Amino acid sequence: MALDFDFSMLDAMDVLDLACFIEREAAENYVQLASWATKNSPEATAFFERMARLEDQHDSQIEERRNELFGDRPSRYIDSAPWEVEVPDYDKVGASFTLEQAYALALGAEERAEAYFRQAVEYISDPQTVEILKSLAEEERDHQRLLKNEMASR
């Protein structure tokens, strides 16, 4: 279950720092899904690995923009909490799940990530950060389309 965020307590830098943490966690979870899929489907493994690379790219892009906007100011948060914004809800399926369920888990994680970024926009007044968050929400929607297309091709 994802942590609840009180966006009113966060500033633009905080939201970008948390976005980096969330994207890193998402990449790690796609790597886990890819590892699980090696037993079931080389195609799914390749797909989940590609999704992990996309999440890594998002992290790098956010980090770059964060540094442009805020320089080397240290984050007020550490990346040690289970943010679980863009993490599959494994509790829904238990320890054993099908390939179809793996895709559905990933889709749910992408939907939660989009909701996170859209909700954050409502609390941030910095126009550059708002644009970054809107772009991230759209990228999460693109990930949802990729997952739905992949699911339909199975």
C-alpha atoms as a PDB file:
ATOM      1  CA  MET A   1       0.000   0.000   0.000  1.00  0.00           C
ATOM      2  CA  ALA A   2       1.400   3.372  -0.992  1.00  0.00           C
ATOM      3  CA  LEU A   3       2.219   6.029   1.548  1.00  0.00           C
ATOM      4  CA  ASP A   4      -0.265   8.865   1.795  1.00  0.00           C
ATOM      5  CA  PHE A   5       1.253  12.187   0.836  1.00  0.00           C
ATOM      6  CA  ASP A   6       0.226  15.513   2.297  1.00  0.00           C
ATOM      7  CA  PHE A   7       1.248  17.585  -0.701  1.00  0.00           C
ATOM      8  CA  SER A   8       0.443  20.793   1.158  1.00  0.00           C
ATOM      9  CA  MET A   9       3.525  20.104   3.318  1.00  0.00           C
ATOM     10  CA  LEU A  10       5.838  19.671   0.313  1.00  0.00           C
ATOM     11  CA  ASP A  11       7.542  22.269  -1.817  1.00  0.00           C
ATOM     12  CA  ALA A  12       8.523  21.894  -5.471  1.00  0.00           C
ATOM     13  CA  MET A  13      11.953  20.456  -4.648  1.00  0.00           C
ATOM     14  CA  ASP A  14      10.413  17.905  -2.273  1.00  0.00           C
ATOM     15  CA  VAL A  15       7.961  16.731  -4.919  1.00  0.00           C
ATOM     16  CA  LEU A  16      10.766  16.290  -7.474  1.00  0.00           C
ATOM     17  CA  ASP A  17      12.930  14.445  -4.936  1.00  0.00           C
ATOM     18  CA  LEU A  18      10.059  12.087  -4.169  1.00  0.00           C
ATOM     19  CA  ALA A  19       9.408  11.658  -7.888  1.00  0.00           C
ATOM     20  CA  CYS A  20      13.012  10.464  -8.310  1.00  0.00           C
ATOM     21  CA  PHE A  21      12.595   7.992  -5.458  1.00  0.00           C
ATOM     22  CA  ILE A  22       9.328   6.739  -6.933  1.00  0.00           C
ATOM     23  CA  GLU A  23      10.808   6.239 -10.411  1.00  0.00           C
ATOM     24  CA  ARG A  24      13.790   4.335  -8.960  1.00  0.00           C
ATOM     25  CA  GLU A  25      11.451   2.101  -7.023  1.00  0.00           C
ATOM     26  CA  ALA A  26       9.371   1.529 -10.169  1.00  0.00           C
ATOM     27  CA  ALA A  27      12.483   0.495 -12.111  1.00  0.00           C
ATOM     28  CA  GLU A  28      13.431  -1.952  -9.357  1.00  0.00           C
ATOM     29  CA  ASN A  29       9.974  -3.479  -9.454  1.00  0.00           C
ATOM     30  CA  TYR A  30      10.047  -3.900 -13.225  1.00  0.00           C
ATOM     31  CA  VAL A  31      13.388  -5.680 -12.823  1.00  0.00           C
ATOM     32  CA  GLN A  32      11.693  -7.988 -10.303  1.00  0.00           C
ATOM     33  CA  LEU A  33       8.830  -8.672 -12.706  1.00  0.00           C
ATOM     34  CA  ALA A  34      11.343  -9.343 -15.493  1.00  0.00           C
ATOM     35  CA  SER A  35      13.181 -11.802 -13.269  1.00  0.00           C
ATOM     36  CA  TRP A  36       9.934 -13.563 -12.415  1.00  0.00           C
ATOM     37  CA  ALA A  37       8.895 -13.653 -16.084  1.00  0.00           C
ATOM     38  CA  THR A  38      12.093 -15.445 -17.174  1.00  0.00           C
ATOM     39  CA  LYS A  39      10.461 -18.655 -15.967  1.00  0.00           C
ATOM     40  CA  ASN A  40       7.355 -18.022 -18.053  1.00  0.00           C
ATOM     41  CA  SER A  41       7.966 -15.836 -21.079  1.00  0.00           C
ATOM     42  CA  PRO A  42      11.098 -14.417 -22.739  1.00  0.00           C
ATOM     43  CA  GLU A  43       8.888 -11.836 -24.446  1.00  0.00           C
ATOM     44  CA  ALA A  44       7.470 -10.634 -21.135  1.00  0.00           C
ATOM     45  CA  THR A  45      10.973 -10.547 -19.652  1.00  0.00           C
ATOM     46  CA  ALA A  46      12.145  -8.286 -22.473  1.00  0.00           C
ATOM     47  CA  PHE A  47       9.074  -6.081 -22.097  1.00  0.00           C
ATOM     48  CA  PHE A  48       9.506  -5.645 -18.330  1.00  0.00           C
ATOM     49  CA  GLU A  49      13.225  -4.935 -18.805  1.00  0.00           C
ATOM     50  CA  ARG A  50      12.312  -2.240 -21.342  1.00  0.00           C
ATOM     51  CA  MET A  51       9.868  -0.730 -18.847  1.00  0.00           C
ATOM     52  CA  ALA A  52      12.604  -0.705 -16.184  1.00  0.00           C
ATOM     53  CA  ARG A  53      14.852   1.240 -18.574  1.00  0.00           C
ATOM     54  CA  LEU A  54      12.053   3.752 -19.204  1.00  0.00           C
ATOM     55  CA  GLU A  55      11.659   4.280 -15.461  1.00  0.00           C
ATOM     56  CA  ASP A  56      15.437   4.758 -15.138  1.00  0.00           C
ATOM     57  CA  GLN A  57      15.276   7.361 -17.902  1.00  0.00           C
ATOM     58  CA  HIS A  58      12.499   9.193 -16.050  1.00  0.00           C
ATOM     59  CA  ASP A  59      14.591   9.218 -12.901  1.00  0.00           C
ATOM     60  CA  SER A  60      17.547  10.697 -14.790  1.00  0.00           C
ATOM     61  CA  GLN A  61      15.372  13.334 -16.466  1.00  0.00           C
ATOM     62  CA  ILE A  62      13.771  14.368 -13.183  1.00  0.00           C
ATOM     63  CA  GLU A  63      17.156  14.480 -11.452  1.00  0.00           C
ATOM     64  CA  GLU A  64      18.540  16.691 -14.230  1.00  0.00           C
ATOM     65  CA  ARG A  65      15.607  19.110 -14.036  1.00  0.00           C
ATOM     66  CA  ARG A  66      15.746  19.112 -10.226  1.00  0.00           C
ATOM     67  CA  ASN A  67      19.417  20.100 -10.388  1.00  0.00           C
ATOM     68  CA  GLU A  68      18.678  22.831 -12.935  1.00  0.00           C
ATOM     69  CA  LEU A  69      16.007  24.296 -10.673  1.00  0.00           C
ATOM     70  CA  PHE A  70      17.498  23.756  -7.220  1.00  0.00           C
ATOM     71  CA  GLY A  71      21.205  23.116  -7.739  1.00  0.00           C
ATOM     72  CA  ASP A  72      22.900  20.858  -5.235  1.00  0.00           C
ATOM     73  CA  ARG A  73      20.576  21.654  -2.331  1.00  0.00           C
ATOM     74  CA  PRO A  74      20.275  18.447  -0.321  1.00  0.00           C
ATOM     75  CA  SER A  75      16.989  16.620  -0.237  1.00  0.00           C
ATOM     76  CA  ARG A  76      14.973  16.844   2.966  1.00  0.00           C
ATOM     77  CA  TYR A  77      14.063  13.183   2.491  1.00  0.00           C
ATOM     78  CA  ILE A  78      16.070  10.007   2.210  1.00  0.00           C
ATOM     79  CA  ASP A  79      15.321   7.274  -0.251  1.00  0.00           C
ATOM     80  CA  SER A  80      14.802   4.515   2.265  1.00  0.00           C
ATOM     81  CA  ALA A  81      11.043   4.405   2.781  1.00  0.00           C
ATOM     82  CA  PRO A  82       8.921   2.059   0.705  1.00  0.00           C
ATOM     83  CA  TRP A  83       7.188   4.829  -1.255  1.00  0.00           C
ATOM     84  CA  GLU A  84       5.097   2.257  -3.111  1.00  0.00           C
ATOM     85  CA  VAL A  85       3.469   4.769  -5.419  1.00  0.00           C
ATOM     86  CA  GLU A  86       4.491   2.900  -8.556  1.00  0.00           C
ATOM     87  CA  VAL A  87       4.810  -0.574  -7.075  1.00  0.00           C
ATOM     88  CA  PRO A  88       2.662  -3.533  -8.058  1.00  0.00           C
ATOM     89  CA  ASP A  89       0.146  -4.522  -5.386  1.00  0.00           C
ATOM     90  CA  TYR A  90       1.451  -8.027  -4.815  1.00  0.00           C
ATOM     91  CA  ASP A  91      -0.987  -8.494  -1.932  1.00  0.00           C
ATOM     92  CA  LYS A  92      -3.788  -8.750  -4.486  1.00  0.00           C
ATOM     93  CA  VAL A  93      -2.347 -11.912  -6.023  1.00  0.00           C
ATOM     94  CA  GLY A  94      -0.137 -13.479  -3.369  1.00  0.00           C
ATOM     95  CA  ALA A  95       3.165 -15.230  -3.958  1.00  0.00           C
ATOM     96  CA  SER A  96       2.103 -16.984  -7.140  1.00  0.00           C
ATOM     97  CA  PHE A  97       0.572 -15.197 -10.112  1.00  0.00           C
ATOM     98  CA  THR A  98       0.041 -15.557 -13.821  1.00  0.00           C
ATOM     99  CA  LEU A  99       1.585 -13.530 -16.613  1.00  0.00           C
ATOM    100  CA  GLU A 100      -1.770 -11.810 -17.124  1.00  0.00           C
ATOM    101  CA  GLN A 101      -1.809 -10.874 -13.439  1.00  0.00           C
ATOM    102  CA  ALA A 102       1.767  -9.558 -13.690  1.00  0.00           C
ATOM    103  CA  TYR A 103       0.717  -7.177 -16.458  1.00  0.00           C
ATOM    104  CA  ALA A 104      -2.357  -6.140 -14.463  1.00  0.00           C
ATOM    105  CA  LEU A 105      -0.187  -5.467 -11.395  1.00  0.00           C
ATOM    106  CA  ALA A 106       2.134  -3.279 -13.442  1.00  0.00           C
ATOM    107  CA  LEU A 107      -0.831  -1.455 -14.966  1.00  0.00           C
ATOM    108  CA  GLY A 108      -2.221  -0.683 -11.505  1.00  0.00           C
ATOM    109  CA  ALA A 109       1.173   0.686 -10.456  1.00  0.00           C
ATOM    110  CA  GLU A 110       1.304   2.962 -13.504  1.00  0.00           C
ATOM    111  CA  GLU A 111      -2.213   4.209 -12.773  1.00  0.00           C
ATOM    112  CA  ARG A 112      -1.228   5.079  -9.183  1.00  0.00           C
ATOM    113  CA  ALA A 113       1.864   6.907 -10.435  1.00  0.00           C
ATOM    114  CA  GLU A 114      -0.198   8.981 -12.841  1.00  0.00           C
ATOM    115  CA  ALA A 115      -2.615   9.860 -10.027  1.00  0.00           C
ATOM    116  CA  TYR A 116       0.305  10.853  -7.776  1.00  0.00           C
ATOM    117  CA  PHE A 117       1.745  13.266 -10.343  1.00  0.00           C
ATOM    118  CA  ARG A 118      -1.664  14.745 -11.186  1.00  0.00           C
ATOM    119  CA  GLN A 119      -2.469  15.243  -7.509  1.00  0.00           C
ATOM    120  CA  ALA A 120       0.907  16.899  -6.848  1.00  0.00           C
ATOM    121  CA  VAL A 121       0.184  19.476  -9.580  1.00  0.00           C
ATOM    122  CA  GLU A 122      -2.718  20.813  -7.517  1.00  0.00           C
ATOM    123  CA  TYR A 123      -0.355  21.860  -4.706  1.00  0.00           C
ATOM    124  CA  ILE A 124       2.674  23.204  -6.547  1.00  0.00           C
ATOM    125  CA  SER A 125       2.793  26.810  -7.691  1.00  0.00           C
ATOM    126  CA  ASP A 126       6.174  26.752  -9.448  1.00  0.00           C
ATOM    127  CA  PRO A 127       5.307  26.685 -13.187  1.00  0.00           C
ATOM    128  CA  GLN A 128       8.420  24.746 -14.212  1.00  0.00           C
ATOM    129  CA  THR A 129       7.744  22.027 -11.652  1.00  0.00           C
ATOM    130  CA  VAL A 130       4.081  21.902 -12.667  1.00  0.00           C
ATOM    131  CA  GLU A 131       5.155  21.296 -16.281  1.00  0.00           C
ATOM    132  CA  ILE A 132       7.503  18.501 -15.184  1.00  0.00           C
ATOM    133  CA  LEU A 133       4.722  16.864 -13.166  1.00  0.00           C
ATOM    134  CA  LYS A 134       2.226  17.123 -16.013  1.00  0.00           C
ATOM    135  CA  SER A 135       4.766  15.586 -18.353  1.00  0.00           C
ATOM    136  CA  LEU A 136       5.401  12.757 -15.900  1.00  0.00           C
ATOM    137  CA  ALA A 137       1.674  12.084 -15.586  1.00  0.00           C
ATOM    138  CA  GLU A 138       1.453  11.808 -19.382  1.00  0.00           C
ATOM    139  CA  GLU A 139       4.446   9.473 -19.472  1.00  0.00           C
ATOM    140  CA  GLU A 140       2.728   7.263 -16.906  1.00  0.00           C
ATOM    141  CA  ARG A 141      -0.339   7.265 -19.147  1.00  0.00           C
ATOM    142  CA  ASP A 142       1.928   6.234 -22.054  1.00  0.00           C
ATOM    143  CA  HIS A 143       3.206   3.359 -19.910  1.00  0.00           C
ATOM    144  CA  GLN A 144      -0.380   2.306 -19.331  1.00  0.00           C
ATOM    145  CA  ARG A 145      -0.927   2.238 -23.102  1.00  0.00           C
ATOM    146  CA  LEU A 146       2.229   0.161 -23.569  1.00  0.00           C
ATOM    147  CA  LEU A 147       1.047  -2.309 -20.948  1.00  0.00           C
ATOM    148  CA  LYS A 148      -2.463  -2.525 -22.417  1.00  0.00           C
ATOM    149  CA  ASN A 149      -1.044  -3.120 -25.891  1.00  0.00           C
ATOM    150  CA  GLU A 150       1.291  -5.778 -24.552  1.00  0.00           C
ATOM    151  CA  MET A 151      -1.575  -7.441 -22.674  1.00  0.00           C
ATOM    152  CA  ALA A 152      -3.739  -7.398 -25.815  1.00  0.00           C
ATOM    153  CA  SER A 153      -0.989  -9.039 -27.846  1.00  0.00           C
ATOM    154  CA  ARG A 154      -0.892 -12.053 -25.514  1.00  0.00           C
END
